[in-house]
Amino acid sequence: MEWPHDPDGEEGSEGGRKYGQAVLVKKVDETEDFPLDAAAFVDAHGDEPVRMDVETVVSVREIFDHVEEETFEDLVSFHAAVGAAMRRGELRRYDR
């Protein structure tokens, strides 16, 4: 897939490799963005890349295809829902 920016570049991971939720959390402001609407988050960031492991990059939209919640009250609920979605969608690899 052609990404809007390099997932390992400055815009994707602040110049170094960051993975999964560490990339997603950089897209929200804990004090201003909550409660956060999942659909609005996907509208704003859906096509952006998220590196899951050393070999795999998926879009924010692909992760959120597995998110069941429509809103997140705070950063903790965001992390819990996204982590569950990554496991549900088998986007995390545990064999490495």
C-alpha atoms as a PDB file:
ATOM      1  CA  MET A   1       0.000   0.000   0.000  1.00  0.00           C
ATOM      2  CA  GLU A   2       1.124   3.544  -0.682  1.00  0.00           C
ATOM      3  CA  TRP A   3       1.178   5.376   2.674  1.00  0.00           C
ATOM      4  CA  PRO A   4       0.671   9.130   3.092  1.00  0.00           C
ATOM      5  CA  HIS A   5       3.961   9.174   5.023  1.00  0.00           C
ATOM      6  CA  ASP A   6       6.742   6.776   6.030  1.00  0.00           C
ATOM      7  CA  PRO A   7       5.607   4.822   9.129  1.00  0.00           C
ATOM      8  CA  ASP A   8       9.184   4.920  10.437  1.00  0.00           C
ATOM      9  CA  GLY A   9       9.842   8.534   9.524  1.00  0.00           C
ATOM     10  CA  GLU A  10       9.502  11.699  11.545  1.00  0.00           C
ATOM     11  CA  GLU A  11       5.761  12.039  10.926  1.00  0.00           C
ATOM     12  CA  GLY A  12       5.015   8.367  11.554  1.00  0.00           C
ATOM     13  CA  SER A  13       7.014   7.683  14.682  1.00  0.00           C
ATOM     14  CA  GLU A  14       8.993  10.779  15.598  1.00  0.00           C
ATOM     15  CA  GLY A  15      12.149   9.626  13.853  1.00  0.00           C
ATOM     16  CA  GLY A  16      12.354   6.172  15.402  1.00  0.00           C
ATOM     17  CA  ARG A  17      10.389   2.978  15.323  1.00  0.00           C
ATOM     18  CA  LYS A  18       7.365   3.024  17.532  1.00  0.00           C
ATOM     19  CA  TYR A  19       4.762   0.292  17.339  1.00  0.00           C
ATOM     20  CA  GLY A  20       0.999  -0.176  17.662  1.00  0.00           C
ATOM     21  CA  GLN A  21      -0.566   1.812  20.457  1.00  0.00           C
ATOM     22  CA  ALA A  22       2.524   3.993  20.888  1.00  0.00           C
ATOM     23  CA  VAL A  23       1.838   5.383  17.402  1.00  0.00           C
ATOM     24  CA  LEU A  24      -1.905   5.805  17.982  1.00  0.00           C
ATOM     25  CA  VAL A  25      -1.548   7.619  21.301  1.00  0.00           C
ATOM     26  CA  LYS A  26       0.514  10.337  19.582  1.00  0.00           C
ATOM     27  CA  LYS A  27      -2.589  11.174  17.530  1.00  0.00           C
ATOM     28  CA  VAL A  28      -4.684  12.241  20.546  1.00  0.00           C
ATOM     29  CA  ASP A  29      -4.426  14.948  23.180  1.00  0.00           C
ATOM     30  CA  GLU A  30      -5.394  13.544  26.558  1.00  0.00           C
ATOM     31  CA  THR A  31      -6.691  16.869  27.866  1.00  0.00           C
ATOM     32  CA  GLU A  32      -8.541  18.160  24.781  1.00  0.00           C
ATOM     33  CA  ASP A  33      -9.726  15.200  22.665  1.00  0.00           C
ATOM     34  CA  PHE A  34     -11.833  13.271  25.182  1.00  0.00           C
ATOM     35  CA  PRO A  35     -14.497  12.134  25.065  1.00  0.00           C
ATOM     36  CA  LEU A  36     -13.334  10.937  21.639  1.00  0.00           C
ATOM     37  CA  ASP A  37     -15.624   9.765  18.858  1.00  0.00           C
ATOM     38  CA  ALA A  38     -14.206   6.664  17.139  1.00  0.00           C
ATOM     39  CA  ALA A  39     -15.711   7.525  13.720  1.00  0.00           C
ATOM     40  CA  ALA A  40     -14.265  11.048  13.829  1.00  0.00           C
ATOM     41  CA  PHE A  41     -10.848   9.641  14.786  1.00  0.00           C
ATOM     42  CA  VAL A  42     -10.963   7.260  11.809  1.00  0.00           C
ATOM     43  CA  ASP A  43     -12.107  10.081   9.506  1.00  0.00           C
ATOM     44  CA  ALA A  44      -9.092  12.120  10.581  1.00  0.00           C
ATOM     45  CA  HIS A  45      -6.460   9.354  10.685  1.00  0.00           C
ATOM     46  CA  GLY A  46      -7.859   6.253   8.948  1.00  0.00           C
ATOM     47  CA  ASP A  47      -5.362   6.084   6.090  1.00  0.00           C
ATOM     48  CA  GLU A  48      -2.310   6.691   8.248  1.00  0.00           C
ATOM     49  CA  PRO A  49       0.137   3.820   8.814  1.00  0.00           C
ATOM     50  CA  VAL A  50       0.751   2.037  12.110  1.00  0.00           C
ATOM     51  CA  ARG A  51       3.711  -0.323  12.391  1.00  0.00           C
ATOM     52  CA  MET A  52       2.620  -3.432  14.291  1.00  0.00           C
ATOM     53  CA  ASP A  53       5.939  -5.293  14.259  1.00  0.00           C
ATOM     54  CA  VAL A  54       9.178  -5.269  12.298  1.00  0.00           C
ATOM     55  CA  GLU A  55       7.425  -6.655   9.201  1.00  0.00           C
ATOM     56  CA  THR A  56       3.831  -5.437   9.403  1.00  0.00           C
ATOM     57  CA  VAL A  57       2.279  -2.027   8.778  1.00  0.00           C
ATOM     58  CA  VAL A  58      -1.512  -1.565   8.792  1.00  0.00           C
ATOM     59  CA  SER A  59      -3.752   1.471   8.558  1.00  0.00           C
ATOM     60  CA  VAL A  60      -5.505   3.078  11.496  1.00  0.00           C
ATOM     61  CA  ARG A  61      -8.741   2.151   9.707  1.00  0.00           C
ATOM     62  CA  GLU A  62      -7.775  -1.544   9.686  1.00  0.00           C
ATOM     63  CA  ILE A  63      -7.239  -1.457  13.448  1.00  0.00           C
ATOM     64  CA  PHE A  64     -10.523   0.371  14.024  1.00  0.00           C
ATOM     65  CA  ASP A  65     -12.394  -2.192  11.927  1.00  0.00           C
ATOM     66  CA  HIS A  66     -12.073  -4.321  15.091  1.00  0.00           C
ATOM     67  CA  VAL A  67     -12.909  -1.625  17.664  1.00  0.00           C
ATOM     68  CA  GLU A  68     -16.372  -2.174  19.119  1.00  0.00           C
ATOM     69  CA  GLU A  69     -16.712   1.076  21.087  1.00  0.00           C
ATOM     70  CA  GLU A  70     -18.166   4.190  19.459  1.00  0.00           C
ATOM     71  CA  THR A  71     -16.694   6.657  21.965  1.00  0.00           C
ATOM     72  CA  PHE A  72     -13.871   6.737  24.465  1.00  0.00           C
ATOM     73  CA  GLU A  73     -14.297   8.672  27.703  1.00  0.00           C
ATOM     74  CA  ASP A  74     -10.575   8.955  28.417  1.00  0.00           C
ATOM     75  CA  LEU A  75      -7.139   7.762  27.359  1.00  0.00           C
ATOM     76  CA  VAL A  76      -7.391   4.597  29.465  1.00  0.00           C
ATOM     77  CA  SER A  77     -10.610   3.512  27.738  1.00  0.00           C
ATOM     78  CA  PHE A  78      -9.028   4.338  24.352  1.00  0.00           C
ATOM     79  CA  HIS A  79      -6.009   2.129  25.119  1.00  0.00           C
ATOM     80  CA  ALA A  80      -8.162  -0.721  26.416  1.00  0.00           C
ATOM     81  CA  ALA A  81     -10.452  -0.695  23.360  1.00  0.00           C
ATOM     82  CA  VAL A  82      -7.606  -0.425  20.857  1.00  0.00           C
ATOM     83  CA  GLY A  83      -5.606  -3.184  22.565  1.00  0.00           C
ATOM     84  CA  ALA A  84      -8.634  -5.478  22.553  1.00  0.00           C
ATOM     85  CA  ALA A  85      -9.260  -4.653  18.891  1.00  0.00           C
ATOM     86  CA  MET A  86      -5.673  -5.495  17.939  1.00  0.00           C
ATOM     87  CA  ARG A  87      -5.982  -8.863  19.667  1.00  0.00           C
ATOM     88  CA  ARG A  88      -9.434  -9.518  18.185  1.00  0.00           C
ATOM     89  CA  GLY A  89      -8.190  -8.682  14.690  1.00  0.00           C
ATOM     90  CA  GLU A  90      -5.020 -10.747  15.219  1.00  0.00           C
ATOM     91  CA  LEU A  91      -2.949  -7.688  14.345  1.00  0.00           C
ATOM     92  CA  ARG A  92      -0.411  -8.351  17.107  1.00  0.00           C
ATOM     93  CA  ARG A  93       2.061 -11.149  16.700  1.00  0.00           C
ATOM     94  CA  TYR A  94       3.229 -12.924  19.815  1.00  0.00           C
ATOM     95  CA  ASP A  95       5.575 -15.421  18.191  1.00  0.00           C
ATOM     96  CA  ARG A  96       8.585 -13.081  18.064  1.00  0.00           C
END
